[in-house]
């Protein structure tokens, strides 16, 4: 699938995401996988960089730029986005 604006993806928070954005308090920690929406895609490859609005479990959300898509062997690796798994 191609990353395009408006698509919902999963993003795994890194330690740097938590520290740089001061979201360590509350309901999220490094390693948590959270939903995000693509607001800018920098390519059409499934591992292309995108800008994300990340939704956290609490009153804050994050704006993250130029995050790479995970390769098939990098699912839920901190700092990368990936497509949600298909259920059913």
N, C-alpha and C. Protein backbone atom coordinates (compact mmCIF):
# COMPACT_ATOMS: atom_id res chain seq x y z
N UNK A 1 0.84 -1.19 0.00
CA UNK A 1 0.00 0.00 0.00
C UNK A 1 0.88 1.25 0.00
N UNK A 2 0.38 2.29 -0.61
CA UNK A 2 1.10 3.55 -0.68
C UNK A 2 0.68 4.46 0.47
N UNK A 3 1.63 5.14 1.12
CA UNK A 3 1.26 6.11 2.15
C UNK A 3 0.66 7.37 1.49
N UNK A 4 -0.55 7.71 1.87
CA UNK A 4 -1.21 8.90 1.34
C UNK A 4 -1.87 9.65 2.49
N UNK A 5 -2.10 10.94 2.28
CA UNK A 5 -2.66 11.75 3.36
C UNK A 5 -4.04 11.22 3.76
N UNK A 6 -4.29 11.30 5.05
CA UNK A 6 -5.56 10.86 5.60
C UNK A 6 -5.61 9.40 6.03
N UNK A 7 -4.60 8.62 5.68
CA UNK A 7 -4.59 7.21 6.05
C UNK A 7 -4.20 7.06 7.52
N UNK A 8 -4.85 6.14 8.19
CA UNK A 8 -4.54 5.84 9.59
C UNK A 8 -3.50 4.73 9.61
N UNK A 9 -2.45 4.95 10.41
CA UNK A 9 -1.38 3.97 10.56
C UNK A 9 -1.10 3.79 12.05
N UNK A 10 -0.25 2.83 12.37
CA UNK A 10 0.24 2.65 13.73
C UNK A 10 1.63 3.24 13.80
N UNK A 11 1.96 3.88 14.93
CA UNK A 11 3.29 4.42 15.16
C UNK A 11 3.76 3.94 16.52
N UNK A 12 4.99 3.46 16.60
CA UNK A 12 5.54 3.01 17.87
C UNK A 12 6.45 4.10 18.42
N UNK A 13 6.10 4.58 19.61
CA UNK A 13 6.81 5.69 20.23
C UNK A 13 8.23 5.31 20.64
N UNK A 14 9.17 6.20 20.36
CA UNK A 14 10.55 5.99 20.78
C UNK A 14 10.81 6.79 22.06
N UNK A 15 11.92 6.48 22.70
CA UNK A 15 12.32 7.24 23.90
C UNK A 15 12.50 8.71 23.54
N UNK A 16 13.07 9.00 22.38
CA UNK A 16 13.26 10.38 21.94
C UNK A 16 11.92 11.10 21.74
N UNK A 17 10.92 10.41 21.20
CA UNK A 17 9.60 11.01 21.03
C UNK A 17 9.04 11.45 22.38
N UNK A 18 9.20 10.60 23.38
CA UNK A 18 8.67 10.88 24.71
C UNK A 18 9.40 12.06 25.34
N UNK A 19 10.73 12.04 25.30
CA UNK A 19 11.52 13.10 25.93
C UNK A 19 11.38 14.43 25.20
N UNK A 20 11.51 14.44 23.87
CA UNK A 20 11.49 15.68 23.10
C UNK A 20 10.14 16.38 23.15
N UNK A 21 9.08 15.61 23.33
CA UNK A 21 7.74 16.19 23.31
C UNK A 21 7.09 16.25 24.69
N UNK A 22 7.84 15.89 25.71
CA UNK A 22 7.39 15.96 27.10
C UNK A 22 6.03 15.30 27.30
N UNK A 23 5.93 14.07 26.84
CA UNK A 23 4.68 13.32 27.01
C UNK A 23 4.88 12.09 27.87
N UNK A 24 5.97 12.05 28.62
CA UNK A 24 6.27 10.88 29.44
C UNK A 24 5.30 10.66 30.59
N UNK A 25 4.71 11.74 31.07
CA UNK A 25 3.72 11.54 32.13
C UNK A 25 2.39 11.21 31.48
N UNK A 26 1.59 10.46 32.16
CA UNK A 26 0.30 10.09 31.60
C UNK A 26 0.25 8.64 31.22
N UNK A 27 -0.46 8.34 30.15
CA UNK A 27 -0.77 6.96 29.80
C UNK A 27 0.09 6.37 28.70
N UNK A 28 1.19 7.04 28.29
CA UNK A 28 2.03 6.50 27.23
C UNK A 28 3.48 6.42 27.67
N UNK A 29 4.18 5.48 27.04
CA UNK A 29 5.62 5.32 27.31
C UNK A 29 6.29 4.85 26.03
N UNK A 30 7.61 4.94 26.00
CA UNK A 30 8.36 4.46 24.85
C UNK A 30 8.04 2.98 24.62
N UNK A 31 7.87 2.62 23.36
CA UNK A 31 7.52 1.25 23.00
C UNK A 31 6.04 1.04 22.78
N UNK A 32 5.20 1.99 23.23
CA UNK A 32 3.76 1.88 23.00
C UNK A 32 3.46 2.13 21.52
N UNK A 33 2.55 1.37 20.97
CA UNK A 33 2.08 1.59 19.61
C UNK A 33 0.74 2.31 19.68
N UNK A 34 0.65 3.42 18.94
CA UNK A 34 -0.52 4.30 19.01
C UNK A 34 -0.98 4.63 17.59
N UNK A 35 -2.25 5.06 17.44
CA UNK A 35 -2.74 5.43 16.11
C UNK A 35 -2.20 6.79 15.68
N UNK A 36 -2.06 6.94 14.37
CA UNK A 36 -1.60 8.21 13.80
C UNK A 36 -2.25 8.38 12.43
N UNK A 37 -2.35 9.62 12.00
CA UNK A 37 -2.87 9.91 10.67
C UNK A 37 -1.76 10.55 9.85
N UNK A 38 -1.63 10.11 8.61
CA UNK A 38 -0.62 10.68 7.72
C UNK A 38 -1.12 12.05 7.24
N UNK A 39 -0.31 13.08 7.48
CA UNK A 39 -0.68 14.43 7.04
C UNK A 39 0.18 14.90 5.86
N UNK A 40 1.27 14.20 5.58
CA UNK A 40 2.12 14.50 4.42
C UNK A 40 2.93 13.25 4.11
N UNK A 41 2.93 12.85 2.86
CA UNK A 41 3.71 11.70 2.43
C UNK A 41 4.84 12.19 1.53
N UNK A 42 6.04 11.71 1.78
CA UNK A 42 7.21 12.14 1.03
C UNK A 42 7.61 11.15 -0.06
N UNK A 43 6.78 10.17 -0.30
CA UNK A 43 7.04 9.19 -1.34
C UNK A 43 5.90 8.21 -1.43
N UNK A 44 6.02 7.24 -2.34
CA UNK A 44 4.95 6.27 -2.53
C UNK A 44 5.35 4.85 -2.13
N UNK A 45 6.59 4.68 -1.73
CA UNK A 45 7.06 3.38 -1.27
C UNK A 45 6.51 3.11 0.13
N UNK A 46 6.19 1.87 0.48
CA UNK A 46 5.65 1.58 1.82
C UNK A 46 6.57 1.94 2.98
N UNK A 47 7.86 2.18 2.70
CA UNK A 47 8.78 2.59 3.77
C UNK A 47 9.13 4.07 3.68
N UNK A 48 8.41 4.82 2.85
CA UNK A 48 8.68 6.25 2.67
C UNK A 48 8.46 7.03 3.96
N UNK A 49 9.14 8.17 4.04
CA UNK A 49 8.95 9.07 5.18
C UNK A 49 7.60 9.77 5.06
N UNK A 50 6.98 10.00 6.21
CA UNK A 50 5.71 10.73 6.28
C UNK A 50 5.74 11.66 7.48
N UNK A 51 4.89 12.65 7.46
CA UNK A 51 4.62 13.46 8.65
C UNK A 51 3.35 12.92 9.27
N UNK A 52 3.33 12.85 10.60
CA UNK A 52 2.22 12.22 11.31
C UNK A 52 1.64 13.12 12.39
N UNK A 53 0.33 13.04 12.59
CA UNK A 53 -0.32 13.54 13.80
C UNK A 53 -0.64 12.29 14.59
N UNK A 54 0.02 12.16 15.73
CA UNK A 54 -0.06 10.95 16.55
C UNK A 54 -1.04 11.19 17.69
N UNK A 55 -1.96 10.25 17.86
CA UNK A 55 -2.98 10.36 18.90
C UNK A 55 -2.58 9.54 20.12
N UNK A 56 -2.49 10.20 21.25
CA UNK A 56 -2.09 9.55 22.49
C UNK A 56 -3.30 9.29 23.37
N UNK A 57 -3.14 8.40 24.33
CA UNK A 57 -4.20 8.09 25.28
C UNK A 57 -4.13 9.15 26.38
N UNK A 58 -4.77 10.26 26.15
CA UNK A 58 -4.75 11.38 27.08
C UNK A 58 -5.00 12.68 26.33
N UNK A 59 -4.78 13.81 26.98
CA UNK A 59 -5.14 15.09 26.38
C UNK A 59 -4.17 15.61 25.32
N UNK A 60 -2.98 15.03 25.20
CA UNK A 60 -1.99 15.51 24.23
C UNK A 60 -1.97 14.65 22.98
N UNK A 61 -1.51 15.27 21.90
CA UNK A 61 -1.16 14.51 20.71
C UNK A 61 0.18 15.03 20.22
N UNK A 62 0.76 14.38 19.24
CA UNK A 62 2.10 14.73 18.76
C UNK A 62 2.08 15.04 17.27
N UNK A 63 2.95 15.94 16.87
CA UNK A 63 3.24 16.20 15.46
C UNK A 63 4.64 15.68 15.22
N UNK A 64 4.79 14.66 14.41
CA UNK A 64 6.10 14.07 14.13
C UNK A 64 6.38 14.15 12.64
N UNK A 65 7.59 14.58 12.29
CA UNK A 65 7.94 14.76 10.89
C UNK A 65 8.95 13.73 10.44
N UNK A 66 8.86 13.41 9.17
CA UNK A 66 9.83 12.55 8.47
C UNK A 66 10.08 11.23 9.19
N UNK A 67 9.02 10.53 9.52
CA UNK A 67 9.15 9.20 10.13
C UNK A 67 9.04 8.15 9.04
N UNK A 68 9.95 7.20 9.05
CA UNK A 68 9.99 6.17 8.02
C UNK A 68 9.02 5.04 8.30
N UNK A 69 8.53 4.44 7.24
CA UNK A 69 7.69 3.26 7.36
C UNK A 69 8.54 2.05 7.70
N UNK A 70 7.97 1.16 8.46
CA UNK A 70 8.69 -0.05 8.89
C UNK A 70 8.78 -1.05 7.75
N UNK A 71 9.93 -1.67 7.59
CA UNK A 71 10.06 -2.81 6.69
C UNK A 71 9.31 -3.98 7.32
N UNK A 72 9.07 -5.01 6.54
CA UNK A 72 8.26 -6.12 7.04
C UNK A 72 8.85 -6.78 8.29
N UNK A 73 10.17 -6.66 8.48
CA UNK A 73 10.79 -7.26 9.68
C UNK A 73 10.96 -6.24 10.81
N UNK A 74 10.36 -5.06 10.68
CA UNK A 74 10.49 -4.00 11.69
C UNK A 74 9.16 -3.62 12.32
N UNK A 75 8.20 -4.48 12.30
CA UNK A 75 6.87 -4.15 12.83
C UNK A 75 7.00 -3.82 14.32
N UNK A 76 6.40 -2.70 14.71
CA UNK A 76 6.39 -2.21 16.09
C UNK A 76 7.78 -1.87 16.62
N UNK A 77 8.67 -1.41 15.74
CA UNK A 77 9.99 -0.94 16.16
C UNK A 77 9.85 0.54 16.50
N UNK A 78 10.31 0.98 17.68
CA UNK A 78 10.19 2.39 18.06
C UNK A 78 10.75 3.34 17.00
N UNK A 79 9.97 4.39 16.70
CA UNK A 79 10.37 5.40 15.75
C UNK A 79 9.90 5.16 14.32
N UNK A 80 9.19 4.06 14.09
CA UNK A 80 8.71 3.73 12.75
C UNK A 80 7.19 3.60 12.75
N UNK A 81 6.58 3.88 11.57
CA UNK A 81 5.15 3.65 11.41
C UNK A 81 4.95 2.37 10.61
N UNK A 82 3.76 1.78 10.76
CA UNK A 82 3.41 0.61 9.95
C UNK A 82 1.90 0.56 9.77
N UNK A 83 1.49 -0.22 8.80
CA UNK A 83 0.06 -0.39 8.55
C UNK A 83 -0.55 -1.25 9.65
N UNK A 84 -1.76 -0.92 10.08
CA UNK A 84 -2.42 -1.77 11.09
C UNK A 84 -2.62 -3.18 10.55
N UNK A 85 -2.51 -4.17 11.40
CA UNK A 85 -2.75 -5.54 10.92
C UNK A 85 -4.23 -5.72 10.56
N UNK A 86 -4.47 -6.55 9.60
CA UNK A 86 -5.86 -6.85 9.23
C UNK A 86 -6.38 -7.94 10.15
N UNK A 87 -7.54 -7.71 10.67
CA UNK A 87 -8.18 -8.68 11.57
C UNK A 87 -9.36 -9.34 10.87
N UNK A 88 -9.63 -10.56 11.24
CA UNK A 88 -10.83 -11.22 10.75
C UNK A 88 -10.58 -11.98 9.55
